[in-house]
């Protein structure tokens, strides 16, 4: 989804790249606070354990700014 809301906590981020492109670099950033996680280069899929605290996060691909998802994390 383009936007989702979840409670704060530990999560497994799983991104399955089905675009066909191989040179993609995904990042998860906390709004106005910098990068939380980054995919390894030249991998098709990405799995990462993250601990998200309340705030707004942006999941995006470096060279495709239109590919993004907003994750709003609320207190438990």
N, C-alpha and C. Protein backbone atom coordinates (compact mmCIF):
# COMPACT_ATOMS: atom_id res chain seq x y z
N UNK A 1 0.83 -1.21 0.00
CA UNK A 1 0.00 0.00 0.00
C UNK A 1 0.87 1.26 0.00
N UNK A 2 0.32 2.34 -0.46
CA UNK A 2 1.05 3.61 -0.48
C UNK A 2 1.24 4.16 0.93
N UNK A 3 0.33 3.79 1.84
CA UNK A 3 0.43 4.27 3.23
C UNK A 3 -0.20 3.23 4.15
N UNK A 4 0.43 3.07 5.33
CA UNK A 4 -0.09 2.14 6.31
C UNK A 4 0.20 2.68 7.71
N UNK A 5 -0.57 2.21 8.68
CA UNK A 5 -0.37 2.61 10.08
C UNK A 5 -0.20 1.35 10.92
N UNK A 6 0.85 1.35 11.75
CA UNK A 6 1.15 0.21 12.63
C UNK A 6 1.53 0.71 14.01
N UNK A 7 1.52 -0.18 14.98
CA UNK A 7 1.95 0.15 16.34
C UNK A 7 3.46 0.01 16.45
N UNK A 8 4.06 0.78 17.34
CA UNK A 8 5.50 0.72 17.58
C UNK A 8 5.89 -0.70 18.00
N UNK A 9 7.09 -1.12 17.62
CA UNK A 9 7.58 -2.43 18.01
C UNK A 9 8.60 -2.98 17.04
N UNK A 10 8.90 -4.27 17.21
CA UNK A 10 9.87 -4.96 16.35
C UNK A 10 9.13 -5.60 15.18
N UNK A 11 9.72 -5.44 13.99
CA UNK A 11 9.11 -5.96 12.77
C UNK A 11 10.15 -6.59 11.87
N UNK A 12 9.68 -7.47 11.01
CA UNK A 12 10.50 -8.01 9.93
C UNK A 12 10.01 -7.35 8.66
N UNK A 13 10.86 -6.57 8.04
CA UNK A 13 10.54 -5.89 6.79
C UNK A 13 10.90 -6.85 5.66
N UNK A 14 9.94 -7.14 4.81
CA UNK A 14 10.18 -8.02 3.66
C UNK A 14 9.71 -7.31 2.41
N UNK A 15 10.65 -7.07 1.52
CA UNK A 15 10.33 -6.41 0.26
C UNK A 15 10.63 -7.39 -0.86
N UNK A 16 9.64 -7.72 -1.63
CA UNK A 16 9.81 -8.64 -2.75
C UNK A 16 9.76 -7.84 -4.05
N UNK A 17 10.91 -7.70 -4.67
CA UNK A 17 11.05 -6.92 -5.89
C UNK A 17 10.58 -7.76 -7.08
N UNK A 18 9.47 -7.40 -7.65
CA UNK A 18 8.95 -8.10 -8.81
C UNK A 18 8.91 -7.20 -10.04
N UNK A 19 9.70 -6.12 -9.98
CA UNK A 19 9.71 -5.16 -11.09
C UNK A 19 10.51 -5.66 -12.29
N UNK A 20 11.41 -6.62 -12.07
CA UNK A 20 12.29 -7.08 -13.14
C UNK A 20 13.63 -6.35 -13.15
N UNK A 21 13.69 -5.19 -12.53
CA UNK A 21 14.94 -4.41 -12.45
C UNK A 21 15.86 -5.02 -11.40
N UNK A 22 17.16 -5.01 -11.65
CA UNK A 22 18.13 -5.61 -10.74
C UNK A 22 18.93 -4.58 -9.94
N UNK A 23 19.15 -3.41 -10.46
CA UNK A 23 20.00 -2.41 -9.80
C UNK A 23 19.19 -1.46 -8.94
N UNK A 24 18.45 -2.01 -8.00
CA UNK A 24 17.60 -1.20 -7.13
C UNK A 24 18.19 -1.12 -5.73
N UNK A 25 18.05 0.03 -5.11
CA UNK A 25 18.55 0.25 -3.76
C UNK A 25 17.44 0.87 -2.92
N UNK A 26 16.92 0.07 -2.00
CA UNK A 26 15.81 0.52 -1.17
C UNK A 26 16.31 1.04 0.18
N UNK A 27 15.61 2.03 0.69
CA UNK A 27 15.94 2.56 2.01
C UNK A 27 14.66 2.75 2.83
N UNK A 28 14.82 2.65 4.13
CA UNK A 28 13.76 2.99 5.07
C UNK A 28 14.31 4.14 5.90
N UNK A 29 13.64 5.28 5.83
CA UNK A 29 14.09 6.47 6.55
C UNK A 29 13.00 6.98 7.47
N UNK A 30 13.43 7.46 8.62
CA UNK A 30 12.49 8.12 9.52
C UNK A 30 12.42 9.57 9.08
N UNK A 31 11.23 10.08 8.91
CA UNK A 31 11.03 11.44 8.40
C UNK A 31 11.82 12.45 9.22
N UNK A 32 12.65 13.24 8.52
CA UNK A 32 13.47 14.30 9.11
C UNK A 32 14.52 13.79 10.09
N UNK A 33 14.82 12.48 10.09
CA UNK A 33 15.81 11.96 11.03
C UNK A 33 16.82 11.02 10.40
N UNK A 34 16.69 10.69 9.15
CA UNK A 34 17.70 9.88 8.48
C UNK A 34 17.35 8.41 8.32
N UNK A 35 18.31 7.71 7.76
CA UNK A 35 18.12 6.31 7.37
C UNK A 35 18.08 5.37 8.57
N UNK A 36 17.14 4.44 8.52
CA UNK A 36 16.98 3.39 9.53
C UNK A 36 17.57 2.09 9.01
N UNK A 37 17.36 1.80 7.71
CA UNK A 37 17.85 0.56 7.11
C UNK A 37 18.02 0.77 5.60
N UNK A 38 18.89 -0.05 5.01
CA UNK A 38 19.16 0.04 3.58
C UNK A 38 19.35 -1.36 3.03
N UNK A 39 18.80 -1.62 1.85
CA UNK A 39 18.97 -2.94 1.22
C UNK A 39 20.39 -3.09 0.71
N UNK A 40 20.80 -4.35 0.55
CA UNK A 40 22.08 -4.62 -0.08
C UNK A 40 21.91 -4.40 -1.58
N UNK A 41 22.97 -3.94 -2.22
CA UNK A 41 22.90 -3.65 -3.66
C UNK A 41 22.78 -4.93 -4.48
N UNK A 42 22.07 -4.82 -5.57
CA UNK A 42 21.92 -5.88 -6.56
C UNK A 42 21.25 -7.14 -6.02
N UNK A 43 20.40 -6.99 -5.05
CA UNK A 43 19.61 -8.11 -4.55
C UNK A 43 18.18 -7.93 -5.02
N UNK A 44 17.54 -9.02 -5.32
CA UNK A 44 16.15 -8.94 -5.80
C UNK A 44 15.19 -8.65 -4.65
N UNK A 45 15.35 -9.35 -3.54
CA UNK A 45 14.47 -9.19 -2.38
C UNK A 45 15.27 -8.63 -1.20
N UNK A 46 14.55 -8.09 -0.23
CA UNK A 46 15.20 -7.49 0.93
C UNK A 46 14.43 -7.90 2.17
N UNK A 47 15.16 -8.41 3.16
CA UNK A 47 14.60 -8.74 4.47
C UNK A 47 15.44 -8.06 5.53
N UNK A 48 14.78 -7.39 6.47
CA UNK A 48 15.50 -6.65 7.51
C UNK A 48 14.68 -6.63 8.79
N UNK A 49 15.32 -6.88 9.92
CA UNK A 49 14.67 -6.73 11.22
C UNK A 49 14.82 -5.27 11.64
N UNK A 50 13.71 -4.66 12.02
CA UNK A 50 13.73 -3.26 12.44
C UNK A 50 12.91 -3.08 13.71
N UNK A 51 13.33 -2.13 14.52
CA UNK A 51 12.55 -1.73 15.70
C UNK A 51 12.07 -0.32 15.42
N UNK A 52 10.77 -0.17 15.26
CA UNK A 52 10.20 1.13 14.88
C UNK A 52 9.55 1.80 16.09
N UNK A 53 9.95 3.03 16.32
CA UNK A 53 9.36 3.84 17.38
C UNK A 53 8.35 4.80 16.75
N UNK A 54 7.46 5.41 17.53
CA UNK A 54 6.45 6.30 16.94
C UNK A 54 7.06 7.37 16.04
N UNK A 55 6.43 7.56 14.90
CA UNK A 55 6.88 8.54 13.93
C UNK A 55 6.44 8.13 12.53
N UNK A 56 6.93 8.86 11.55
CA UNK A 56 6.61 8.59 10.16
C UNK A 56 7.86 8.12 9.44
N UNK A 57 7.73 7.02 8.72
CA UNK A 57 8.84 6.42 7.99
C UNK A 57 8.49 6.36 6.51
N UNK A 58 9.54 6.47 5.68
CA UNK A 58 9.36 6.42 4.24
C UNK A 58 10.20 5.26 3.70
N UNK A 59 9.56 4.33 3.02
CA UNK A 59 10.24 3.25 2.33
C UNK A 59 10.30 3.65 0.86
N UNK A 60 11.52 3.71 0.29
CA UNK A 60 11.64 4.20 -1.08
C UNK A 60 12.82 3.56 -1.81
N UNK A 61 12.87 3.81 -3.12
CA UNK A 61 13.97 3.35 -3.96
C UNK A 61 14.71 4.59 -4.43
N UNK A 62 16.03 4.56 -4.32
CA UNK A 62 16.86 5.74 -4.55
C UNK A 62 16.62 6.39 -5.91
N UNK A 63 16.57 5.62 -6.97
CA UNK A 63 16.45 6.19 -8.32
C UNK A 63 15.03 6.30 -8.84
N UNK A 64 14.05 5.92 -8.03
CA UNK A 64 12.64 6.00 -8.43
C UNK A 64 11.84 6.68 -7.32
N UNK A 65 11.89 8.01 -7.23
CA UNK A 65 11.21 8.72 -6.15
C UNK A 65 9.70 8.47 -6.09
N UNK A 66 9.12 8.06 -7.21
CA UNK A 66 7.68 7.77 -7.21
C UNK A 66 7.36 6.43 -6.54
N UNK A 67 8.36 5.60 -6.33
CA UNK A 67 8.19 4.32 -5.63
C UNK A 67 8.40 4.56 -4.15
N UNK A 68 7.33 4.83 -3.43
CA UNK A 68 7.49 5.03 -1.99
C UNK A 68 6.25 4.60 -1.25
N UNK A 69 6.47 4.25 -0.02
CA UNK A 69 5.38 3.88 0.89
C UNK A 69 5.62 4.60 2.21
N UNK A 70 4.56 5.14 2.77
CA UNK A 70 4.63 5.84 4.05
C UNK A 70 4.14 4.88 5.14
N UNK A 71 4.93 4.78 6.19
CA UNK A 71 4.57 3.93 7.34
C UNK A 71 4.44 4.85 8.55
N UNK A 72 3.24 4.97 9.07
CA UNK A 72 3.00 5.78 10.27
C UNK A 72 2.98 4.84 11.47
N UNK A 73 3.89 5.09 12.41
CA UNK A 73 4.02 4.23 13.60
C UNK A 73 3.45 4.98 14.79
N UNK A 74 2.47 4.36 15.44
CA UNK A 74 1.80 4.96 16.59
C UNK A 74 2.27 4.28 17.88
N UNK A 75 2.12 4.95 19.02
CA UNK A 75 2.48 4.30 20.28
C UNK A 75 1.60 3.06 20.48
N UNK A 76 2.10 2.12 21.23
CA UNK A 76 1.33 0.90 21.50
C UNK A 76 0.11 1.19 22.29
